[in-house]
């Protein structure tokens, strides 16, 4: 069986941020030194191995059980007030870089938001620095030795495609909004910089400034190293790979898919249960159970 260090150590950033007192600031150290600190950066830039939730309530270690959620891999509890961080390890890390697939990021953001809501976790917590579950400063429980798939975690909560307008953007939703904002900005301007003969470094600085401006609009901004890593990735990808023609083809393909979905009749319109001689309710019960014609296992 895997131990807690087996889950933590191989997934650390190459030089993680860490601290013994986050109010006094963060430092960068090699992993073997960072692991000695009370607070630790678990996720590398633009790569999320962990969902970490900050619960500032007494007996926070039981929040997952009260919410009827899957047990976290670990719980790090402050013995002084019993507040805690809960960590869930993802089987496949979520990539927030522009070359990554868009749907997994949004799917992960929706799951993370639903878990945060169910746990009553702090929406202002960015997840950048966590209580180090290997530090003796905390009382740590190691509950689950295997990583979770996103699909499995999604079964425990009700998902929303986008957060409610009344909800403060938090966690991965901030990454999604930052990513969407700066890539759309970059798509519209990268050719201007290239056509005027600007150096790539000038473009990188411009994207970074835009990312930092977007980040300041959040009630609780993301950590600057995370923002700069995302900006660097967007700047590099758009400079090397983006073209107006390619983007136009992507937009056209998306529009065709949307129109195809609109033209395709819904089941309520086609009423397939009539052709089978059964009621609407029976049709959906059979469909859920896999008993419709053509749905039998081979």
C-alpha atoms as a PDB file:
ATOM      1  CA  UNK A   1       0.000   0.000   0.000  1.00  0.00           C
ATOM      2  CA  UNK A   2       1.188   3.495  -0.807  1.00  0.00           C
ATOM      3  CA  UNK A   3       2.216   5.732   2.091  1.00  0.00           C
ATOM      4  CA  UNK A   4       1.422   9.432   2.429  1.00  0.00           C
ATOM      5  CA  UNK A   5       4.969  10.463   1.371  1.00  0.00           C
ATOM      6  CA  UNK A   6       4.502   8.256  -1.703  1.00  0.00           C
ATOM      7  CA  UNK A   7       1.580  10.470  -2.701  1.00  0.00           C
ATOM      8  CA  UNK A   8       3.167  13.814  -1.812  1.00  0.00           C
ATOM      9  CA  UNK A   9       6.857  13.734  -2.725  1.00  0.00           C
ATOM     10  CA  UNK A  10       6.878  12.582  -6.396  1.00  0.00           C
ATOM     11  CA  UNK A  11       4.305  15.234  -7.345  1.00  0.00           C
ATOM     12  CA  UNK A  12       5.986  18.258  -5.790  1.00  0.00           C
ATOM     13  CA  UNK A  13       7.153  21.175  -7.948  1.00  0.00           C
ATOM     14  CA  UNK A  14      10.833  21.173  -8.846  1.00  0.00           C
ATOM     15  CA  UNK A  15      11.430  24.049  -6.394  1.00  0.00           C
ATOM     16  CA  UNK A  16       8.272  24.518  -4.320  1.00  0.00           C
ATOM     17  CA  UNK A  17       7.259  27.589  -2.366  1.00  0.00           C
ATOM     18  CA  UNK A  18       7.133  26.941   1.356  1.00  0.00           C
ATOM     19  CA  UNK A  19       7.011  28.687   4.732  1.00  0.00           C
ATOM     20  CA  UNK A  20       6.735  28.218   8.469  1.00  0.00           C
ATOM     21  CA  UNK A  21       4.614  31.379   8.702  1.00  0.00           C
ATOM     22  CA  UNK A  22       2.762  32.452   5.557  1.00  0.00           C
ATOM     23  CA  UNK A  23       2.068  35.912   7.024  1.00  0.00           C
ATOM     24  CA  UNK A  24       5.805  36.562   6.895  1.00  0.00           C
ATOM     25  CA  UNK A  25       6.055  35.479   3.272  1.00  0.00           C
ATOM     26  CA  UNK A  26       7.078  32.508   1.175  1.00  0.00           C
ATOM     27  CA  UNK A  27      10.479  31.174   0.167  1.00  0.00           C
ATOM     28  CA  UNK A  28      11.592  28.813  -2.601  1.00  0.00           C
ATOM     29  CA  UNK A  29      13.563  25.732  -1.632  1.00  0.00           C
ATOM     30  CA  UNK A  30      14.480  22.328  -3.077  1.00  0.00           C
ATOM     31  CA  UNK A  31      11.874  19.669  -2.198  1.00  0.00           C
ATOM     32  CA  UNK A  32      13.936  18.031   0.528  1.00  0.00           C
ATOM     33  CA  UNK A  33      14.200  21.390   2.352  1.00  0.00           C
ATOM     34  CA  UNK A  34      10.649  22.521   1.578  1.00  0.00           C
ATOM     35  CA  UNK A  35       9.260  19.333   3.128  1.00  0.00           C
ATOM     36  CA  UNK A  36      10.626  20.477   6.484  1.00  0.00           C
ATOM     37  CA  UNK A  37       8.357  23.560   6.444  1.00  0.00           C
ATOM     38  CA  UNK A  38       4.843  23.793   7.861  1.00  0.00           C
ATOM     39  CA  UNK A  39       3.320  25.134   4.644  1.00  0.00           C
ATOM     40  CA  UNK A  40       4.066  23.755   1.198  1.00  0.00           C
ATOM     41  CA  UNK A  41       3.216  24.247  -2.471  1.00  0.00           C
ATOM     42  CA  UNK A  42       1.778  20.899  -3.561  1.00  0.00           C
ATOM     43  CA  UNK A  43       0.777  21.657  -7.154  1.00  0.00           C
ATOM     44  CA  UNK A  44       3.349  22.685  -9.780  1.00  0.00           C
ATOM     45  CA  UNK A  45       2.502  25.713 -11.955  1.00  0.00           C
ATOM     46  CA  UNK A  46      -0.298  24.985 -14.470  1.00  0.00           C
ATOM     47  CA  UNK A  47      -0.602  21.403 -13.160  1.00  0.00           C
ATOM     48  CA  UNK A  48      -3.119  20.407 -10.473  1.00  0.00           C
ATOM     49  CA  UNK A  49      -2.484  17.067  -8.782  1.00  0.00           C
ATOM     50  CA  UNK A  50      -4.469  18.043  -5.700  1.00  0.00           C
ATOM     51  CA  UNK A  51      -7.771  19.565  -4.702  1.00  0.00           C
ATOM     52  CA  UNK A  52      -7.090  21.187  -1.332  1.00  0.00           C
ATOM     53  CA  UNK A  53      -9.871  22.711   0.770  1.00  0.00           C
ATOM     54  CA  UNK A  54      -9.446  25.099   3.699  1.00  0.00           C
ATOM     55  CA  UNK A  55     -12.080  24.697   6.411  1.00  0.00           C
ATOM     56  CA  UNK A  56     -11.958  27.333   9.124  1.00  0.00           C
ATOM     57  CA  UNK A  57     -14.407  25.722  11.499  1.00  0.00           C
ATOM     58  CA  UNK A  58     -13.980  23.681  14.684  1.00  0.00           C
ATOM     59  CA  UNK A  59     -13.826  19.929  14.046  1.00  0.00           C
ATOM     60  CA  UNK A  60     -13.052  20.591  10.378  1.00  0.00           C
ATOM     61  CA  UNK A  61     -11.631  17.086  10.009  1.00  0.00           C
ATOM     62  CA  UNK A  62     -15.187  15.721   9.996  1.00  0.00           C
ATOM     63  CA  UNK A  63     -16.550  18.084   7.339  1.00  0.00           C
ATOM     64  CA  UNK A  64     -16.322  15.485   4.549  1.00  0.00           C
ATOM     65  CA  UNK A  65     -18.291  12.967   6.613  1.00  0.00           C
ATOM     66  CA  UNK A  66     -20.972  15.499   7.554  1.00  0.00           C
ATOM     67  CA  UNK A  67     -21.344  16.420   3.875  1.00  0.00           C
ATOM     68  CA  UNK A  68     -21.507  12.752   2.819  1.00  0.00           C
ATOM     69  CA  UNK A  69     -18.497  13.075   0.514  1.00  0.00           C
ATOM     70  CA  UNK A  70     -15.703  10.724  -0.439  1.00  0.00           C
ATOM     71  CA  UNK A  71     -12.953  10.653   2.210  1.00  0.00           C
ATOM     72  CA  UNK A  72      -9.973  12.889   1.449  1.00  0.00           C
ATOM     73  CA  UNK A  73      -6.571  11.297   0.999  1.00  0.00           C
ATOM     74  CA  UNK A  74      -5.279  13.294   3.950  1.00  0.00           C
ATOM     75  CA  UNK A  75      -6.410  15.785   6.557  1.00  0.00           C
ATOM     76  CA  UNK A  76      -3.973  18.203   8.200  1.00  0.00           C
ATOM     77  CA  UNK A  77      -5.457  19.707  11.373  1.00  0.00           C
ATOM     78  CA  UNK A  78      -4.255  22.709  13.335  1.00  0.00           C
ATOM     79  CA  UNK A  79      -4.238  21.347  16.918  1.00  0.00           C
ATOM     80  CA  UNK A  80      -4.745  24.843  18.336  1.00  0.00           C
ATOM     81  CA  UNK A  81      -8.192  25.413  16.782  1.00  0.00           C
ATOM     82  CA  UNK A  82      -9.041  22.141  14.917  1.00  0.00           C
ATOM     83  CA  UNK A  83      -9.278  23.987  11.597  1.00  0.00           C
ATOM     84  CA  UNK A  84      -7.991  21.856   8.734  1.00  0.00           C
ATOM     85  CA  UNK A  85      -6.907  21.393   5.148  1.00  0.00           C
ATOM     86  CA  UNK A  86      -8.353  18.421   3.241  1.00  0.00           C
ATOM     87  CA  UNK A  87      -6.452  17.029   0.249  1.00  0.00           C
ATOM     88  CA  UNK A  88      -7.861  14.959  -2.631  1.00  0.00           C
ATOM     89  CA  UNK A  89      -5.341  13.467  -5.078  1.00  0.00           C
ATOM     90  CA  UNK A  90      -6.363  13.301  -8.743  1.00  0.00           C
ATOM     91  CA  UNK A  91      -5.459  10.224 -10.762  1.00  0.00           C
ATOM     92  CA  UNK A  92      -4.862  12.380 -13.832  1.00  0.00           C
ATOM     93  CA  UNK A  93      -3.635  15.918 -13.050  1.00  0.00           C
ATOM     94  CA  UNK A  94      -5.545  18.859 -14.480  1.00  0.00           C
ATOM     95  CA  UNK A  95      -3.528  21.037 -16.855  1.00  0.00           C
ATOM     96  CA  UNK A  96      -4.320  24.749 -16.927  1.00  0.00           C
ATOM     97  CA  UNK A  97      -1.995  25.602 -19.835  1.00  0.00           C
ATOM     98  CA  UNK A  98      -3.520  26.831 -23.127  1.00  0.00           C
ATOM     99  CA  UNK A  99      -2.361  23.756 -25.044  1.00  0.00           C
ATOM    100  CA  UNK A 100      -4.390  21.549 -22.695  1.00  0.00           C
ATOM    101  CA  UNK A 101      -7.906  20.381 -23.445  1.00  0.00           C
ATOM    102  CA  UNK A 102     -10.536  22.836 -22.286  1.00  0.00           C
ATOM    103  CA  UNK A 103     -13.235  20.429 -21.095  1.00  0.00           C
ATOM    104  CA  UNK A 104     -11.207  18.630 -18.389  1.00  0.00           C
ATOM    105  CA  UNK A 105     -10.275  21.982 -16.825  1.00  0.00           C
ATOM    106  CA  UNK A 106     -13.894  23.144 -16.687  1.00  0.00           C
ATOM    107  CA  UNK A 107     -15.046  19.732 -15.475  1.00  0.00           C
ATOM    108  CA  UNK A 108     -12.467  19.789 -12.684  1.00  0.00           C
ATOM    109  CA  UNK A 109     -13.403  23.358 -11.769  1.00  0.00           C
ATOM    110  CA  UNK A 110     -17.063  22.386 -11.464  1.00  0.00           C
ATOM    111  CA  UNK A 111     -16.222  19.399  -9.242  1.00  0.00           C
ATOM    112  CA  UNK A 112     -13.902  21.454  -7.051  1.00  0.00           C
ATOM    113  CA  UNK A 113     -16.547  24.184  -6.666  1.00  0.00           C
ATOM    114  CA  UNK A 114     -19.215  21.641  -5.726  1.00  0.00           C
ATOM    115  CA  UNK A 115     -16.945  20.029  -3.109  1.00  0.00           C
ATOM    116  CA  UNK A 116     -16.049  23.441  -1.679  1.00  0.00           C
ATOM    117  CA  UNK A 117     -19.719  24.327  -1.348  1.00  0.00           C
ATOM    118  CA  UNK A 118     -20.607  20.980   0.244  1.00  0.00           C
ATOM    119  CA  UNK A 119     -17.697  21.177   2.696  1.00  0.00           C
ATOM    120  CA  UNK A 120     -18.334  24.795   3.622  1.00  0.00           C
ATOM    121  CA  UNK A 121     -14.691  25.503   2.725  1.00  0.00           C
ATOM    122  CA  UNK A 122     -13.226  28.996   2.435  1.00  0.00           C
ATOM    123  CA  UNK A 123     -14.002  30.358  -1.076  1.00  0.00           C
ATOM    124  CA  UNK A 124     -11.105  32.814  -0.815  1.00  0.00           C
ATOM    125  CA  UNK A 125      -8.525  30.069  -0.418  1.00  0.00           C
ATOM    126  CA  UNK A 126      -6.528  29.670  -3.637  1.00  0.00           C
ATOM    127  CA  UNK A 127      -5.014  26.264  -2.957  1.00  0.00           C
ATOM    128  CA  UNK A 128      -1.544  27.514  -3.839  1.00  0.00           C
ATOM    129  CA  UNK A 129      -0.015  26.895  -0.396  1.00  0.00           C
ATOM    130  CA  UNK A 130      -1.315  24.107   1.844  1.00  0.00           C
ATOM    131  CA  UNK A 131      -0.660  22.836   5.318  1.00  0.00           C
ATOM    132  CA  UNK A 132       2.146  20.360   4.746  1.00  0.00           C
ATOM    133  CA  UNK A 133       0.581  16.999   5.701  1.00  0.00           C
ATOM    134  CA  UNK A 134       4.077  15.612   6.398  1.00  0.00           C
ATOM    135  CA  UNK A 135       4.910  18.361   8.903  1.00  0.00           C
ATOM    136  CA  UNK A 136       4.833  17.671  12.639  1.00  0.00           C
ATOM    137  CA  UNK A 137       3.205  21.097  13.095  1.00  0.00           C
ATOM    138  CA  UNK A 138      -0.158  19.513  12.245  1.00  0.00           C
ATOM    139  CA  UNK A 139      -2.135  16.519  13.358  1.00  0.00           C
ATOM    140  CA  UNK A 140      -2.437  14.524  10.131  1.00  0.00           C
ATOM    141  CA  UNK A 141      -4.839  11.711   9.238  1.00  0.00           C
ATOM    142  CA  UNK A 142      -4.037   9.556   6.218  1.00  0.00           C
ATOM    143  CA  UNK A 143      -7.391   8.144   5.084  1.00  0.00           C
ATOM    144  CA  UNK A 144      -7.140   7.063   1.451  1.00  0.00           C
ATOM    145  CA  UNK A 145      -4.084   5.702  -0.341  1.00  0.00           C
ATOM    146  CA  UNK A 146      -5.252   5.808  -3.973  1.00  0.00           C
ATOM    147  CA  UNK A 147      -5.873   8.790  -6.273  1.00  0.00           C
ATOM    148  CA  UNK A 148      -9.384   9.667  -7.375  1.00  0.00           C
ATOM    149  CA  UNK A 149     -10.755  10.011 -10.891  1.00  0.00           C
ATOM    150  CA  UNK A 150     -12.768  13.123 -11.663  1.00  0.00           C
ATOM    151  CA  UNK A 151     -15.728  10.962 -12.659  1.00  0.00           C
ATOM    152  CA  UNK A 152     -15.739   9.233  -9.290  1.00  0.00           C
ATOM    153  CA  UNK A 153     -15.589  12.519  -7.374  1.00  0.00           C
ATOM    154  CA  UNK A 154     -18.373  13.926  -9.552  1.00  0.00           C
ATOM    155  CA  UNK A 155     -20.719  11.175  -8.368  1.00  0.00           C
ATOM    156  CA  UNK A 156     -20.694  12.648  -4.856  1.00  0.00           C
ATOM    157  CA  UNK A 157     -21.903  16.144  -5.774  1.00  0.00           C
ATOM    158  CA  UNK A 158     -24.259  18.086  -8.031  1.00  0.00           C
ATOM    159  CA  UNK A 159     -22.326  19.971 -10.674  1.00  0.00           C
ATOM    160  CA  UNK A 160     -22.906  23.375 -12.203  1.00  0.00           C
ATOM    161  CA  UNK A 161     -21.397  24.286 -15.583  1.00  0.00           C
ATOM    162  CA  UNK A 162     -20.621  27.798 -14.357  1.00  0.00           C
ATOM    163  CA  UNK A 163     -20.673  29.297 -10.878  1.00  0.00           C
ATOM    164  CA  UNK A 164     -23.671  31.380  -9.890  1.00  0.00           C
ATOM    165  CA  UNK A 165     -23.142  35.122 -10.517  1.00  0.00           C
ATOM    166  CA  UNK A 166     -23.664  35.642  -6.773  1.00  0.00           C
ATOM    167  CA  UNK A 167     -20.792  33.287  -5.907  1.00  0.00           C
ATOM    168  CA  UNK A 168     -17.283  34.716  -5.554  1.00  0.00           C
ATOM    169  CA  UNK A 169     -14.986  33.044  -8.148  1.00  0.00           C
ATOM    170  CA  UNK A 170     -12.635  30.734  -6.280  1.00  0.00           C
ATOM    171  CA  UNK A 171     -10.259  27.849  -6.748  1.00  0.00           C
ATOM    172  CA  UNK A 172      -9.967  26.537 -10.284  1.00  0.00           C
ATOM    173  CA  UNK A 173     -12.771  28.834 -11.455  1.00  0.00           C
ATOM    174  CA  UNK A 174     -10.286  31.661 -11.049  1.00  0.00           C
ATOM    175  CA  UNK A 175      -7.863  29.766 -13.261  1.00  0.00           C
ATOM    176  CA  UNK A 176     -10.609  29.221 -15.829  1.00  0.00           C
ATOM    177  CA  UNK A 177     -11.580  32.896 -15.861  1.00  0.00           C
ATOM    178  CA  UNK A 178      -7.971  34.068 -15.960  1.00  0.00           C
ATOM    179  CA  UNK A 179      -7.179  31.645 -18.758  1.00  0.00           C
ATOM    180  CA  UNK A 180     -10.267  32.613 -20.797  1.00  0.00           C
ATOM    181  CA  UNK A 181      -9.668  36.341 -20.382  1.00  0.00           C
ATOM    182  CA  UNK A 182      -5.999  36.469 -21.288  1.00  0.00           C
ATOM    183  CA  UNK A 183      -6.158  33.974 -24.149  1.00  0.00           C
ATOM    184  CA  UNK A 184      -9.014  35.905 -25.808  1.00  0.00           C
ATOM    185  CA  UNK A 185      -7.015  39.102 -25.326  1.00  0.00           C
ATOM    186  CA  UNK A 186      -3.915  37.388 -26.754  1.00  0.00           C
ATOM    187  CA  UNK A 187      -5.778  36.009 -29.786  1.00  0.00           C
ATOM    188  CA  UNK A 188      -6.799  39.521 -30.762  1.00  0.00           C
ATOM    189  CA  UNK A 189      -3.350  41.120 -30.414  1.00  0.00           C
ATOM    190  CA  UNK A 190      -0.594  38.574 -31.060  1.00  0.00           C
ATOM    191  CA  UNK A 191      -0.587  39.179 -34.814  1.00  0.00           C
ATOM    192  CA  UNK A 192      -0.302  42.928 -34.243  1.00  0.00           C
ATOM    193  CA  UNK A 193       2.896  42.389 -32.240  1.00  0.00           C
ATOM    194  CA  UNK A 194       4.287  39.936 -34.794  1.00  0.00           C
ATOM    195  CA  UNK A 195       3.422  42.038 -37.848  1.00  0.00           C
ATOM    196  CA  UNK A 196       5.094  45.105 -36.363  1.00  0.00           C
ATOM    197  CA  UNK A 197       8.317  43.176 -35.718  1.00  0.00           C
ATOM    198  CA  UNK A 198       8.072  43.265 -31.919  1.00  0.00           C
ATOM    199  CA  UNK A 199      10.414  40.943 -30.022  1.00  0.00           C
ATOM    200  CA  UNK A 200       8.926  37.888 -28.359  1.00  0.00           C
ATOM    201  CA  UNK A 201      10.068  39.187 -24.952  1.00  0.00           C
ATOM    202  CA  UNK A 202       7.944  42.316 -25.432  1.00  0.00           C
ATOM    203  CA  UNK A 203       4.926  40.131 -26.147  1.00  0.00           C
ATOM    204  CA  UNK A 204       5.588  38.044 -23.043  1.00  0.00           C
ATOM    205  CA  UNK A 205       5.683  41.169 -20.875  1.00  0.00           C
ATOM    206  CA  UNK A 206       2.452  42.466 -22.411  1.00  0.00           C
ATOM    207  CA  UNK A 207       0.601  39.201 -21.707  1.00  0.00           C
ATOM    208  CA  UNK A 208       1.932  39.146 -18.158  1.00  0.00           C
ATOM    209  CA  UNK A 209       0.695  42.703 -17.523  1.00  0.00           C
ATOM    210  CA  UNK A 210      -2.740  41.782 -18.862  1.00  0.00           C
ATOM    211  CA  UNK A 211      -2.857  38.640 -16.691  1.00  0.00           C
ATOM    212  CA  UNK A 212      -1.946  40.594 -13.570  1.00  0.00           C
ATOM    213  CA  UNK A 213      -4.654  43.176 -14.335  1.00  0.00           C
ATOM    214  CA  UNK A 214      -7.269  40.422 -14.754  1.00  0.00           C
ATOM    215  CA  UNK A 215      -6.110  38.767 -11.541  1.00  0.00           C
ATOM    216  CA  UNK A 216      -6.614  41.981  -9.579  1.00  0.00           C
ATOM    217  CA  UNK A 217     -10.321  41.907 -10.456  1.00  0.00           C
ATOM    218  CA  UNK A 218     -10.797  38.790  -8.336  1.00  0.00           C
ATOM    219  CA  UNK A 219     -11.881  39.424  -4.756  1.00  0.00           C
ATOM    220  CA  UNK A 220      -9.046  37.125  -3.691  1.00  0.00           C
ATOM    221  CA  UNK A 221      -6.369  37.181  -6.420  1.00  0.00           C
ATOM    222  CA  UNK A 222      -4.353  34.130  -7.333  1.00  0.00           C
ATOM    223  CA  UNK A 223      -0.728  33.980  -6.242  1.00  0.00           C
ATOM    224  CA  UNK A 224       1.519  35.897  -8.644  1.00  0.00           C
ATOM    225  CA  UNK A 225       3.742  32.895  -9.509  1.00  0.00           C
ATOM    226  CA  UNK A 226       0.634  31.025 -10.650  1.00  0.00           C
ATOM    227  CA  UNK A 227      -0.597  34.005 -12.678  1.00  0.00           C
ATOM    228  CA  UNK A 228       2.798  34.499 -14.304  1.00  0.00           C
ATOM    229  CA  UNK A 229       3.109  30.815 -15.170  1.00  0.00           C
ATOM    230  CA  UNK A 230      -0.275  30.902 -16.904  1.00  0.00           C
ATOM    231  CA  UNK A 231       0.624  34.152 -18.689  1.00  0.00           C
ATOM    232  CA  UNK A 232       3.940  32.714 -19.877  1.00  0.00           C
ATOM    233  CA  UNK A 233       2.199  29.622 -21.203  1.00  0.00           C
ATOM    234  CA  UNK A 234      -0.460  31.656 -23.049  1.00  0.00           C
ATOM    235  CA  UNK A 235       2.165  34.011 -24.470  1.00  0.00           C
ATOM    236  CA  UNK A 236       4.377  31.162 -25.692  1.00  0.00           C
ATOM    237  CA  UNK A 237       1.524  29.176 -27.223  1.00  0.00           C
ATOM    238  CA  UNK A 238      -0.052  32.117 -29.047  1.00  0.00           C
ATOM    239  CA  UNK A 239       3.305  33.398 -30.312  1.00  0.00           C
ATOM    240  CA  UNK A 240       4.379  30.030 -31.694  1.00  0.00           C
ATOM    241  CA  UNK A 241       1.149  28.360 -32.738  1.00  0.00           C
ATOM    242  CA  UNK A 242      -1.751  30.784 -33.064  1.00  0.00           C
ATOM    243  CA  UNK A 243      -2.998  31.975 -36.435  1.00  0.00           C
ATOM    244  CA  UNK A 244      -6.116  33.934 -37.305  1.00  0.00           C
ATOM    245  CA  UNK A 245      -6.975  31.390 -40.011  1.00  0.00           C
ATOM    246  CA  UNK A 246      -6.701  28.453 -37.635  1.00  0.00           C
ATOM    247  CA  UNK A 247      -8.759  30.220 -34.972  1.00  0.00           C
ATOM    248  CA  UNK A 248     -11.437  31.007 -37.573  1.00  0.00           C
ATOM    249  CA  UNK A 249     -11.628  27.329 -38.554  1.00  0.00           C
ATOM    250  CA  UNK A 250     -12.023  26.353 -34.904  1.00  0.00           C
ATOM    251  CA  UNK A 251     -14.821  28.880 -34.404  1.00  0.00           C
ATOM    252  CA  UNK A 252     -16.596  27.691 -37.561  1.00  0.00           C
ATOM    253  CA  UNK A 253     -16.384  24.065 -36.455  1.00  0.00           C
ATOM    254  CA  UNK A 254     -17.814  24.969 -33.042  1.00  0.00           C
ATOM    255  CA  UNK A 255     -20.662  26.889 -34.678  1.00  0.00           C
ATOM    256  CA  UNK A 256     -21.475  23.915 -36.926  1.00  0.00           C
ATOM    257  CA  UNK A 257     -21.618  21.600 -33.912  1.00  0.00           C
ATOM    258  CA  UNK A 258     -23.927  23.995 -32.073  1.00  0.00           C
ATOM    259  CA  UNK A 259     -26.267  24.260 -35.065  1.00  0.00           C
ATOM    260  CA  UNK A 260     -26.258  20.490 -35.498  1.00  0.00           C
ATOM    261  CA  UNK A 261     -27.337  20.113 -31.894  1.00  0.00           C
ATOM    262  CA  UNK A 262     -30.109  22.655 -32.416  1.00  0.00           C
ATOM    263  CA  UNK A 263     -31.376  20.912 -35.571  1.00  0.00           C
ATOM    264  CA  UNK A 264     -31.286  17.445 -33.998  1.00  0.00           C
ATOM    265  CA  UNK A 265     -34.746  16.746 -32.515  1.00  0.00           C
ATOM    266  CA  UNK A 266     -34.870  16.107 -28.806  1.00  0.00           C
ATOM    267  CA  UNK A 267     -36.401  12.953 -27.396  1.00  0.00           C
ATOM    268  CA  UNK A 268     -39.354  15.020 -26.234  1.00  0.00           C
ATOM    269  CA  UNK A 269     -39.919  16.060 -29.851  1.00  0.00           C
ATOM    270  CA  UNK A 270     -39.346  12.657 -31.477  1.00  0.00           C
ATOM    271  CA  UNK A 271     -41.173  10.689 -28.729  1.00  0.00           C
ATOM    272  CA  UNK A 272     -39.422   7.338 -29.384  1.00  0.00           C
ATOM    273  CA  UNK A 273     -41.596   5.593 -26.782  1.00  0.00           C
ATOM    274  CA  UNK A 274     -44.568   5.777 -29.162  1.00  0.00           C
ATOM    275  CA  UNK A 275     -42.756   3.638 -31.718  1.00  0.00           C
ATOM    276  CA  UNK A 276     -42.059   1.040 -29.020  1.00  0.00           C
ATOM    277  CA  UNK A 277     -45.642   1.022 -27.791  1.00  0.00           C
ATOM    278  CA  UNK A 278     -44.701   1.978 -24.238  1.00  0.00           C
ATOM    279  CA  UNK A 279     -45.241   4.977 -21.995  1.00  0.00           C
ATOM    280  CA  UNK A 280     -42.786   7.846 -21.681  1.00  0.00           C
ATOM    281  CA  UNK A 281     -42.041   6.896 -18.071  1.00  0.00           C
ATOM    282  CA  UNK A 282     -41.376   3.258 -18.995  1.00  0.00           C
ATOM    283  CA  UNK A 283     -39.089   4.375 -21.824  1.00  0.00           C
ATOM    284  CA  UNK A 284     -36.839   6.395 -19.536  1.00  0.00           C
ATOM    285  CA  UNK A 285     -36.853   3.671 -16.861  1.00  0.00           C
ATOM    286  CA  UNK A 286     -35.765   1.115 -19.486  1.00  0.00           C
ATOM    287  CA  UNK A 287     -33.160   3.526 -20.840  1.00  0.00           C
ATOM    288  CA  UNK A 288     -31.684   4.086 -17.386  1.00  0.00           C
ATOM    289  CA  UNK A 289     -31.505   0.339 -16.820  1.00  0.00           C
ATOM    290  CA  UNK A 290     -30.017  -0.352 -20.280  1.00  0.00           C
ATOM    291  CA  UNK A 291     -33.065  -2.364 -21.386  1.00  0.00           C
ATOM    292  CA  UNK A 292     -33.973  -0.519 -24.582  1.00  0.00           C
ATOM    293  CA  UNK A 293     -33.551  -2.382 -27.902  1.00  0.00           C
ATOM    294  CA  UNK A 294     -29.932  -2.054 -28.977  1.00  0.00           C
ATOM    295  CA  UNK A 295     -28.769  -1.390 -25.391  1.00  0.00           C
ATOM    296  CA  UNK A 296     -28.168  -5.002 -24.376  1.00  0.00           C
ATOM    297  CA  UNK A 297     -24.668  -6.075 -23.445  1.00  0.00           C
ATOM    298  CA  UNK A 298     -22.867  -8.158 -26.043  1.00  0.00           C
END
